Amino acid sequence: MIRKITIGPDYLNSMKYVLGQIVLNNSNVIDLIKETTEAYEIWIKNSNNEIIKWKQFNKTMPISVEFNINF
């Protein structure tokens, strides 16, 4: 399971998306970060518990992926 992705060539100044992060004026939360064969998708949950695809990043972009590891 992906916990966090960072989009951009400079890690410190790139956009970061984390599961559970509140987005869009505190009205939605990141519910899922999913990898497909061609892209990474970010799905959000709104106040009505509807899950909607919010963003998609092509795999040709510089992306750092952090997985959820439970010990």
Protein backbone atom coordinates (compact mmCIF):
# COMPACT_ATOMS: atom_id res chain seq x y z
CA MET A 1 0.00 0.00 0.00
CA ILE A 2 1.34 3.44 -0.95
CA ARG A 3 1.40 5.88 1.98
CA LYS A 4 2.98 8.93 0.32
CA ILE A 5 4.14 10.14 -3.09
CA THR A 6 6.32 13.10 -3.92
CA ILE A 7 6.04 14.64 -7.38
CA GLY A 8 8.93 16.65 -8.83
CA PRO A 9 12.67 16.53 -9.51
CA ASP A 10 13.73 18.33 -6.31
CA TYR A 11 12.47 16.26 -3.35
CA LEU A 12 12.53 19.11 -0.81
CA ASN A 13 10.56 21.50 -3.03
CA SER A 14 8.19 18.97 -4.64
CA MET A 15 4.48 18.40 -4.08
CA LYS A 16 3.79 15.72 -1.45
CA TYR A 17 0.57 13.76 -1.07
CA VAL A 18 -0.04 11.58 2.00
CA LEU A 19 -2.91 9.25 2.90
CA GLY A 20 -5.23 11.02 5.32
CA GLN A 21 -4.03 14.48 4.24
CA ILE A 22 -6.79 17.11 4.22
CA VAL A 23 -7.08 18.89 0.86
CA LEU A 24 -9.32 21.32 -1.05
CA ASN A 25 -10.16 23.87 1.65
CA ASN A 26 -10.42 21.25 4.42
CA SER A 27 -13.39 19.60 2.70
CA ASN A 28 -11.79 16.38 1.43
CA VAL A 29 -9.22 13.84 2.55
CA ILE A 30 -6.83 11.68 0.52
CA ASP A 31 -8.31 8.19 0.73
CA LEU A 32 -6.16 6.18 -1.70
CA ILE A 33 -2.92 6.53 -3.66
CA LYS A 34 -2.99 3.92 -6.40
CA GLU A 35 -0.42 2.78 -8.95
CA THR A 36 -1.63 1.70 -12.39
CA THR A 37 0.46 0.52 -15.34
CA GLU A 38 0.75 4.07 -16.71
CA ALA A 39 0.23 6.47 -13.80
CA TYR A 40 -0.24 7.17 -10.10
CA GLU A 41 -3.75 8.19 -9.08
CA ILE A 42 -4.89 10.11 -6.01
CA TRP A 43 -8.44 9.43 -4.81
CA ILE A 44 -10.18 11.67 -2.26
CA LYS A 45 -13.21 11.23 -0.01
CA ASN A 46 -15.61 14.16 0.41
CA SER A 47 -17.95 15.02 3.27
CA ASN A 48 -20.66 12.76 1.75
CA ASN A 49 -18.22 9.79 1.87
CA GLU A 50 -18.05 9.74 -1.93
CA ILE A 51 -14.67 8.66 -3.30
CA ILE A 52 -13.54 10.58 -6.37
CA LYS A 53 -10.38 10.45 -8.48
CA TRP A 54 -8.70 13.81 -7.87
CA LYS A 55 -5.31 13.70 -9.58
CA GLN A 56 -3.31 11.52 -11.90
CA PHE A 57 0.44 11.72 -12.52
CA ASN A 58 2.08 10.08 -15.50
CA LYS A 59 4.91 7.68 -14.66
CA THR A 60 7.25 9.70 -16.88
CA MET A 61 7.33 12.41 -14.18
CA PRO A 62 9.93 12.21 -11.39
CA ILE A 63 8.07 10.51 -8.52
CA SER A 64 9.21 9.19 -5.16
CA VAL A 65 6.98 6.55 -3.56
CA GLU A 66 6.81 5.70 0.14
CA PHE A 67 5.02 2.51 1.12
CA ASN A 68 3.11 1.82 4.31
CA ILE A 69 5.19 -0.64 6.31
CA ASN A 70 3.81 -2.15 9.49
CA PHE A 71 6.25 -4.00 11.72
